[in-house]
């Protein structure tokens, strides 16, 4: 299926933005404010992101993001 790699579905552009903000240490309220939405919507996005990537929490998500960011830096 398009957009999938190794059994993991690729995050959408908005999900990627949320992932980046979580990795930067932002709280749900800060992310919601930057998107012009509510904390509830951000929490729903995070649940979807965790399910897509097979992760359990923000720490795992931040580590996942940093690992991929570092892979991009080193492969360039």
PDB file of N, CA and C in Angstrom:
ATOM      1  N   UNK A   1       0.839  -1.173   0.000  1.00  0.00           N
ATOM      2  CA  UNK A   1       0.000   0.000   0.000  1.00  0.00           C
ATOM      3  C   UNK A   1       0.886   1.238   0.000  1.00  0.00           C
ATOM      4  N   UNK A   2       0.507   2.275  -0.730  1.00  0.00           N
ATOM      5  CA  UNK A   2       1.298   3.495  -0.811  1.00  0.00           C
ATOM      6  C   UNK A   2       1.381   4.176   0.539  1.00  0.00           C
ATOM      7  N   UNK A   3       2.547   4.783   0.838  1.00  0.00           N
ATOM      8  CA  UNK A   3       2.722   5.493   2.093  1.00  0.00           C
ATOM      9  C   UNK A   3       3.067   4.610   3.274  1.00  0.00           C
ATOM     10  N   UNK A   4       3.260   3.299   3.042  1.00  0.00           N
ATOM     11  CA  UNK A   4       3.614   2.394   4.123  1.00  0.00           C
ATOM     12  C   UNK A   4       5.038   1.898   3.932  1.00  0.00           C
ATOM     13  N   UNK A   5       5.759   1.811   5.032  1.00  0.00           N
ATOM     14  CA  UNK A   5       7.100   1.259   5.002  1.00  0.00           C
ATOM     15  C   UNK A   5       7.257   0.304   6.164  1.00  0.00           C
ATOM     16  N   UNK A   6       7.685  -0.913   5.881  1.00  0.00           N
ATOM     17  CA  UNK A   6       7.931  -1.930   6.905  1.00  0.00           C
ATOM     18  C   UNK A   6       6.750  -2.091   7.860  1.00  0.00           C
ATOM     19  N   UNK A   7       5.522  -2.061   7.320  1.00  0.00           N
ATOM     20  CA  UNK A   7       4.349  -2.275   8.152  1.00  0.00           C
ATOM     21  C   UNK A   7       3.910  -1.061   8.942  1.00  0.00           C
ATOM     22  N   UNK A   8       4.547   0.080   8.707  1.00  0.00           N
ATOM     23  CA  UNK A   8       4.198   1.302   9.423  1.00  0.00           C
ATOM     24  C   UNK A   8       3.640   2.301   8.425  1.00  0.00           C
ATOM     25  N   UNK A   9       2.442   2.813   8.711  1.00  0.00           N
ATOM     26  CA  UNK A   9       1.839   3.812   7.830  1.00  0.00           C
ATOM     27  C   UNK A   9       2.505   5.156   8.067  1.00  0.00           C
ATOM     28  N   UNK A  10       2.777   5.877   6.993  1.00  0.00           N
ATOM     29  CA  UNK A  10       3.432   7.175   7.103  1.00  0.00           C
ATOM     30  C   UNK A  10       2.466   8.211   7.674  1.00  0.00           C
ATOM     31  N   UNK A  11       2.941   9.046   8.603  1.00  0.00           N
ATOM     32  CA  UNK A  11       2.095  10.104   9.156  1.00  0.00           C
ATOM     33  C   UNK A  11       1.769  11.161   8.105  1.00  0.00           C
ATOM     34  N   UNK A  12       0.581  11.749   8.226  1.00  0.00           N
ATOM     35  CA  UNK A  12       0.178  12.843   7.328  1.00  0.00           C
ATOM     36  C   UNK A  12       1.003  14.090   7.655  1.00  0.00           C
ATOM     37  N   UNK A  13       0.848  15.120   6.847  1.00  0.00           N
ATOM     38  CA  UNK A  13       1.590  16.367   7.066  1.00  0.00           C
ATOM     39  C   UNK A  13       1.248  16.966   8.431  1.00  0.00           C
ATOM     40  N   UNK A  14      -0.017  16.979   8.796  1.00  0.00           N
ATOM     41  CA  UNK A  14      -0.410  17.533  10.100  1.00  0.00           C
ATOM     42  C   UNK A  14       0.137  16.667  11.229  1.00  0.00           C
ATOM     43  N   UNK A  15       0.082  15.355  11.058  1.00  0.00           N
ATOM     44  CA  UNK A  15       0.637  14.454  12.071  1.00  0.00           C
ATOM     45  C   UNK A  15       2.145  14.664  12.206  1.00  0.00           C
ATOM     46  N   UNK A  16       2.827  14.891  11.092  1.00  0.00           N
ATOM     47  CA  UNK A  16       4.268  15.159  11.149  1.00  0.00           C
ATOM     48  C   UNK A  16       4.557  16.435  11.925  1.00  0.00           C
ATOM     49  N   UNK A  17       3.718  17.457  11.737  1.00  0.00           N
ATOM     50  CA  UNK A  17       3.876  18.702  12.479  1.00  0.00           C
ATOM     51  C   UNK A  17       3.709  18.447  13.979  1.00  0.00           C
ATOM     52  N   UNK A  18       2.696  17.676  14.344  1.00  0.00           N
ATOM     53  CA  UNK A  18       2.447  17.366  15.752  1.00  0.00           C
ATOM     54  C   UNK A  18       3.611  16.563  16.328  1.00  0.00           C
ATOM     55  N   UNK A  19       4.102  15.600  15.579  1.00  0.00           N
ATOM     56  CA  UNK A  19       5.249  14.801  16.027  1.00  0.00           C
ATOM     57  C   UNK A  19       6.442  15.711  16.299  1.00  0.00           C
ATOM     58  N   UNK A  20       6.706  16.624  15.391  1.00  0.00           N
ATOM     59  CA  UNK A  20       7.837  17.540  15.553  1.00  0.00           C
ATOM     60  C   UNK A  20       7.659  18.396  16.812  1.00  0.00           C
ATOM     61  N   UNK A  21       6.458  18.896  17.020  1.00  0.00           N
ATOM     62  CA  UNK A  21       6.193  19.737  18.198  1.00  0.00           C
ATOM     63  C   UNK A  21       6.344  18.934  19.497  1.00  0.00           C
ATOM     64  N   UNK A  22       5.893  17.681  19.493  1.00  0.00           N
ATOM     65  CA  UNK A  22       6.071  16.826  20.671  1.00  0.00           C
ATOM     66  C   UNK A  22       7.556  16.623  20.932  1.00  0.00           C
ATOM     67  N   UNK A  23       8.319  16.362  19.878  1.00  0.00           N
ATOM     68  CA  UNK A  23       9.766  16.156  20.015  1.00  0.00           C
ATOM     69  C   UNK A  23      10.465  17.416  20.535  1.00  0.00           C
ATOM     70  N   UNK A  24       9.897  18.566  20.256  1.00  0.00           N
ATOM     71  CA  UNK A  24      10.452  19.828  20.756  1.00  0.00           C
ATOM     72  C   UNK A  24      10.081  20.074  22.216  1.00  0.00           C
ATOM     73  N   UNK A  25       9.211  19.225  22.763  1.00  0.00           N
ATOM     74  CA  UNK A  25       8.827  19.338  24.163  1.00  0.00           C
ATOM     75  C   UNK A  25       7.568  20.147  24.411  1.00  0.00           C
ATOM     76  N   UNK A  26       6.808  20.431  23.359  1.00  0.00           N
ATOM     77  CA  UNK A  26       5.580  21.214  23.516  1.00  0.00           C
ATOM     78  C   UNK A  26       4.486  20.395  24.194  1.00  0.00           C
ATOM     79  N   UNK A  27       3.680  21.069  24.967  1.00  0.00           N
ATOM     80  CA  UNK A  27       2.512  20.455  25.601  1.00  0.00           C
ATOM     81  C   UNK A  27       1.343  20.453  24.614  1.00  0.00           C
ATOM     82  N   UNK A  28       0.347  19.625  24.889  1.00  0.00           N
ATOM     83  CA  UNK A  28      -0.824  19.540  24.008  1.00  0.00           C
ATOM     84  C   UNK A  28      -1.475  20.904  23.801  1.00  0.00           C
ATOM     85  N   UNK A  29      -1.578  21.687  24.862  1.00  0.00           N
ATOM     86  CA  UNK A  29      -2.188  23.021  24.763  1.00  0.00           C
ATOM     87  C   UNK A  29      -1.403  23.906  23.788  1.00  0.00           C
ATOM     88  N   UNK A  30      -0.082  23.864  23.853  1.00  0.00           N
ATOM     89  CA  UNK A  30       0.755  24.666  22.957  1.00  0.00           C
ATOM     90  C   UNK A  30       0.590  24.219  21.509  1.00  0.00           C
ATOM     91  N   UNK A  31       0.515  22.916  21.310  1.00  0.00           N
ATOM     92  CA  UNK A  31       0.324  22.383  19.957  1.00  0.00           C
ATOM     93  C   UNK A  31      -1.045  22.798  19.433  1.00  0.00           C
ATOM     94  N   UNK A  32      -2.053  22.672  20.275  1.00  0.00           N
ATOM     95  CA  UNK A  32      -3.417  23.061  19.889  1.00  0.00           C
ATOM     96  C   UNK A  32      -3.463  24.531  19.510  1.00  0.00           C
ATOM     97  N   UNK A  33      -2.845  25.385  20.304  1.00  0.00           N
ATOM     98  CA  UNK A  33      -2.832  26.819  20.012  1.00  0.00           C
ATOM     99  C   UNK A  33      -2.149  27.108  18.676  1.00  0.00           C
ATOM    100  N   UNK A  34      -1.058  26.412  18.394  1.00  0.00           N
ATOM    101  CA  UNK A  34      -0.338  26.661  17.136  1.00  0.00           C
ATOM    102  C   UNK A  34      -1.133  26.171  15.919  1.00  0.00           C
ATOM    103  N   UNK A  35      -2.023  25.194  16.130  1.00  0.00           N
ATOM    104  CA  UNK A  35      -2.858  24.680  15.042  1.00  0.00           C
ATOM    105  C   UNK A  35      -4.217  25.368  14.973  1.00  0.00           C
ATOM    106  N   UNK A  36      -4.543  26.140  15.999  1.00  0.00           N
ATOM    107  CA  UNK A  36      -5.852  26.785  16.045  1.00  0.00           C
ATOM    108  C   UNK A  36      -6.969  25.795  16.320  1.00  0.00           C
ATOM    109  N   UNK A  37      -6.688  24.840  17.193  1.00  0.00           N
ATOM    110  CA  UNK A  37      -7.670  23.808  17.523  1.00  0.00           C
ATOM    111  C   UNK A  37      -7.684  23.589  19.032  1.00  0.00           C
ATOM    112  N   UNK A  38      -8.272  22.488  19.477  1.00  0.00           N
ATOM    113  CA  UNK A  38      -8.372  22.204  20.908  1.00  0.00           C
ATOM    114  C   UNK A  38      -7.411  21.094  21.322  1.00  0.00           C
ATOM    115  N   UNK A  39      -7.191  21.014  22.637  1.00  0.00           N
ATOM    116  CA  UNK A  39      -6.355  19.937  23.173  1.00  0.00           C
ATOM    117  C   UNK A  39      -6.960  18.571  22.851  1.00  0.00           C
ATOM    118  N   UNK A  40      -8.277  18.489  22.865  1.00  0.00           N
ATOM    119  CA  UNK A  40      -8.958  17.225  22.573  1.00  0.00           C
ATOM    120  C   UNK A  40      -8.588  16.719  21.173  1.00  0.00           C
ATOM    121  N   UNK A  41      -8.565  17.616  20.207  1.00  0.00           N
ATOM    122  CA  UNK A  41      -8.210  17.244  18.837  1.00  0.00           C
ATOM    123  C   UNK A  41      -6.757  16.757  18.793  1.00  0.00           C
ATOM    124  N   UNK A  42      -5.872  17.448  19.498  1.00  0.00           N
ATOM    125  CA  UNK A  42      -4.460  17.044  19.531  1.00  0.00           C
ATOM    126  C   UNK A  42      -4.328  15.663  20.156  1.00  0.00           C
ATOM    127  N   UNK A  43      -5.061  15.404  21.243  1.00  0.00           N
ATOM    128  CA  UNK A  43      -5.023  14.080  21.877  1.00  0.00           C
ATOM    129  C   UNK A  43      -5.486  12.996  20.911  1.00  0.00           C
ATOM    130  N   UNK A  44      -6.523  13.291  20.128  1.00  0.00           N
ATOM    131  CA  UNK A  44      -6.988  12.325  19.128  1.00  0.00           C
ATOM    132  C   UNK A  44      -5.922  12.068  18.072  1.00  0.00           C
ATOM    133  N   UNK A  45      -5.272  13.136  17.620  1.00  0.00           N
ATOM    134  CA  UNK A  45      -4.178  12.965  16.661  1.00  0.00           C
ATOM    135  C   UNK A  45      -3.079  12.093  17.255  1.00  0.00           C
ATOM    136  N   UNK A  46      -2.726  12.347  18.507  1.00  0.00           N
ATOM    137  CA  UNK A  46      -1.658  11.571  19.130  1.00  0.00           C
ATOM    138  C   UNK A  46      -2.029  10.094  19.228  1.00  0.00           C
ATOM    139  N   UNK A  47      -3.277   9.792  19.565  1.00  0.00           N
ATOM    140  CA  UNK A  47      -3.712   8.385  19.598  1.00  0.00           C
ATOM    141  C   UNK A  47      -3.548   7.733  18.226  1.00  0.00           C
ATOM    142  N   UNK A  48      -3.943   8.456  17.186  1.00  0.00           N
ATOM    143  CA  UNK A  48      -3.818   7.952  15.822  1.00  0.00           C
ATOM    144  C   UNK A  48      -2.350   7.743  15.457  1.00  0.00           C
ATOM    145  N   UNK A  49      -1.519   8.700  15.813  1.00  0.00           N
ATOM    146  CA  UNK A  49      -0.082   8.615  15.522  1.00  0.00           C
ATOM    147  C   UNK A  49       0.527   7.415  16.245  1.00  0.00           C
ATOM    148  N   UNK A  50       0.217   7.264  17.529  1.00  0.00           N
ATOM    149  CA  UNK A  50       0.748   6.117  18.287  1.00  0.00           C
ATOM    150  C   UNK A  50       0.329   4.798  17.631  1.00  0.00           C
ATOM    151  N   UNK A  51      -0.931   4.708  17.223  1.00  0.00           N
ATOM    152  CA  UNK A  51      -1.419   3.483  16.576  1.00  0.00           C
ATOM    153  C   UNK A  51      -0.689   3.236  15.257  1.00  0.00           C
ATOM    154  N   UNK A  52      -0.542   4.283  14.446  1.00  0.00           N
ATOM    155  CA  UNK A  52       0.129   4.143  13.152  1.00  0.00           C
ATOM    156  C   UNK A  52       1.567   3.650  13.310  1.00  0.00           C
ATOM    157  N   UNK A  53       2.254   4.197  14.303  1.00  0.00           N
ATOM    158  CA  UNK A  53       3.683   3.922  14.447  1.00  0.00           C
ATOM    159  C   UNK A  53       3.996   2.801  15.428  1.00  0.00           C
ATOM    160  N   UNK A  54       2.964   2.289  16.096  1.00  0.00           N
ATOM    161  CA  UNK A  54       3.176   1.208  17.057  1.00  0.00           C
ATOM    162  C   UNK A  54       3.894   1.689  18.315  1.00  0.00           C
ATOM    163  N   UNK A  55       3.577   2.904  18.751  1.00  0.00           N
ATOM    164  CA  UNK A  55       4.214   3.489  19.926  1.00  0.00           C
ATOM    165  C   UNK A  55       3.201   3.623  21.055  1.00  0.00           C
ATOM    166  N   UNK A  56       3.719   3.893  22.265  1.00  0.00           N
ATOM    167  CA  UNK A  56       2.861   3.961  23.434  1.00  0.00           C
ATOM    168  C   UNK A  56       2.733   5.350  24.046  1.00  0.00           C
ATOM    169  N   UNK A  57       3.742   6.215  23.878  1.00  0.00           N
ATOM    170  CA  UNK A  57       3.709   7.495  24.586  1.00  0.00           C
ATOM    171  C   UNK A  57       4.575   8.554  23.905  1.00  0.00           C
ATOM    172  N   UNK A  58       4.580   9.760  24.492  1.00  0.00           N
ATOM    173  CA  UNK A  58       5.300  10.909  23.937  1.00  0.00           C
ATOM    174  C   UNK A  58       6.808  10.673  23.887  1.00  0.00           C
ATOM    175  N   UNK A  59       7.333  10.002  24.904  1.00  0.00           N
ATOM    176  CA  UNK A  59       8.778   9.753  24.939  1.00  0.00           C
ATOM    177  C   UNK A  59       9.178   8.878  23.755  1.00  0.00           C
ATOM    178  N   UNK A  60       8.447   7.795  23.544  1.00  0.00           N
ATOM    179  CA  UNK A  60       8.734   6.928  22.403  1.00  0.00           C
ATOM    180  C   UNK A  60       8.584   7.698  21.093  1.00  0.00           C
ATOM    181  N   UNK A  61       7.571   8.554  21.008  1.00  0.00           N
ATOM    182  CA  UNK A  61       7.344   9.340  19.805  1.00  0.00           C
ATOM    183  C   UNK A  61       8.505  10.293  19.548  1.00  0.00           C
ATOM    184  N   UNK A  62       8.980  10.964  20.586  1.00  0.00           N
ATOM    185  CA  UNK A  62      10.110  11.886  20.435  1.00  0.00           C
ATOM    186  C   UNK A  62      11.366  11.125  20.007  1.00  0.00           C
ATOM    187  N   UNK A  63      11.588   9.961  20.587  1.00  0.00           N
ATOM    188  CA  UNK A  63      12.749   9.156  20.205  1.00  0.00           C
ATOM    189  C   UNK A  63      12.624   8.662  18.758  1.00  0.00           C
ATOM    190  N   UNK A  64      11.422   8.270  18.363  1.00  0.00           N
ATOM    191  CA  UNK A  64      11.173   7.844  16.987  1.00  0.00           C
ATOM    192  C   UNK A  64      11.505   8.982  16.022  1.00  0.00           C
ATOM    193  N   UNK A  65      11.033  10.179  16.354  1.00  0.00           N
ATOM    194  CA  UNK A  65      11.275  11.357  15.510  1.00  0.00           C
ATOM    195  C   UNK A  65      12.771  11.653  15.409  1.00  0.00           C
ATOM    196  N   UNK A  66      13.462  11.667  16.535  1.00  0.00           N
ATOM    197  CA  UNK A  66      14.896  11.980  16.535  1.00  0.00           C
ATOM    198  C   UNK A  66      15.694  10.948  15.742  1.00  0.00           C
ATOM    199  N   UNK A  67      15.325   9.685  15.850  1.00  0.00           N
ATOM    200  CA  UNK A  67      16.028   8.643  15.105  1.00  0.00           C
ATOM    201  C   UNK A  67      15.881   8.854  13.601  1.00  0.00           C
ATOM    202  N   UNK A  68      14.685   9.206  13.153  1.00  0.00           N
ATOM    203  CA  UNK A  68      14.470   9.446  11.725  1.00  0.00           C
ATOM    204  C   UNK A  68      15.116  10.735  11.277  1.00  0.00           C
ATOM    205  N   UNK A  69      15.108  11.753  12.125  1.00  0.00           N
ATOM    206  CA  UNK A  69      15.742  13.020  11.780  1.00  0.00           C
ATOM    207  C   UNK A  69      17.240  12.822  11.616  1.00  0.00           C
ATOM    208  N   UNK A  70      17.834  12.058  12.525  1.00  0.00           N
ATOM    209  CA  UNK A  70      19.273  11.778  12.445  1.00  0.00           C
ATOM    210  C   UNK A  70      19.602  10.935  11.213  1.00  0.00           C
ATOM    211  N   UNK A  71      18.735   9.985  10.868  1.00  0.00           N
ATOM    212  CA  UNK A  71      18.945   9.173   9.665  1.00  0.00           C
ATOM    213  C   UNK A  71      18.980  10.068   8.425  1.00  0.00           C
ATOM    214  N   UNK A  72      18.096  11.055   8.363  1.00  0.00           N
ATOM    215  CA  UNK A  72      18.051  11.966   7.219  1.00  0.00           C
ATOM    216  C   UNK A  72      19.311  12.811   7.140  1.00  0.00           C
ATOM    217  N   UNK A  73      19.820  13.257   8.285  1.00  0.00           N
ATOM    218  CA  UNK A  73      21.026  14.083   8.321  1.00  0.00           C
ATOM    219  C   UNK A  73      22.213  13.283   7.824  1.00  0.00           C
ATOM    220  N   UNK A  74      22.353  12.040   8.292  1.00  0.00           N
ATOM    221  CA  UNK A  74      23.500  11.235   7.934  1.00  0.00           C
ATOM    222  C   UNK A  74      23.439  10.667   6.521  1.00  0.00           C
ATOM    223  N   UNK A  75      22.234  10.507   5.984  1.00  0.00           N
ATOM    224  CA  UNK A  75      22.121   9.947   4.639  1.00  0.00           C
ATOM    225  C   UNK A  75      22.202  11.020   3.558  1.00  0.00           C
ATOM    226  N   UNK A  76      22.204  12.275   3.937  1.00  0.00           N
ATOM    227  CA  UNK A  76      22.252  13.388   2.952  1.00  0.00           C
ATOM    228  C   UNK A  76      23.648  13.616   2.435  1.00  0.00           C
TER     229      UNK A  76
END
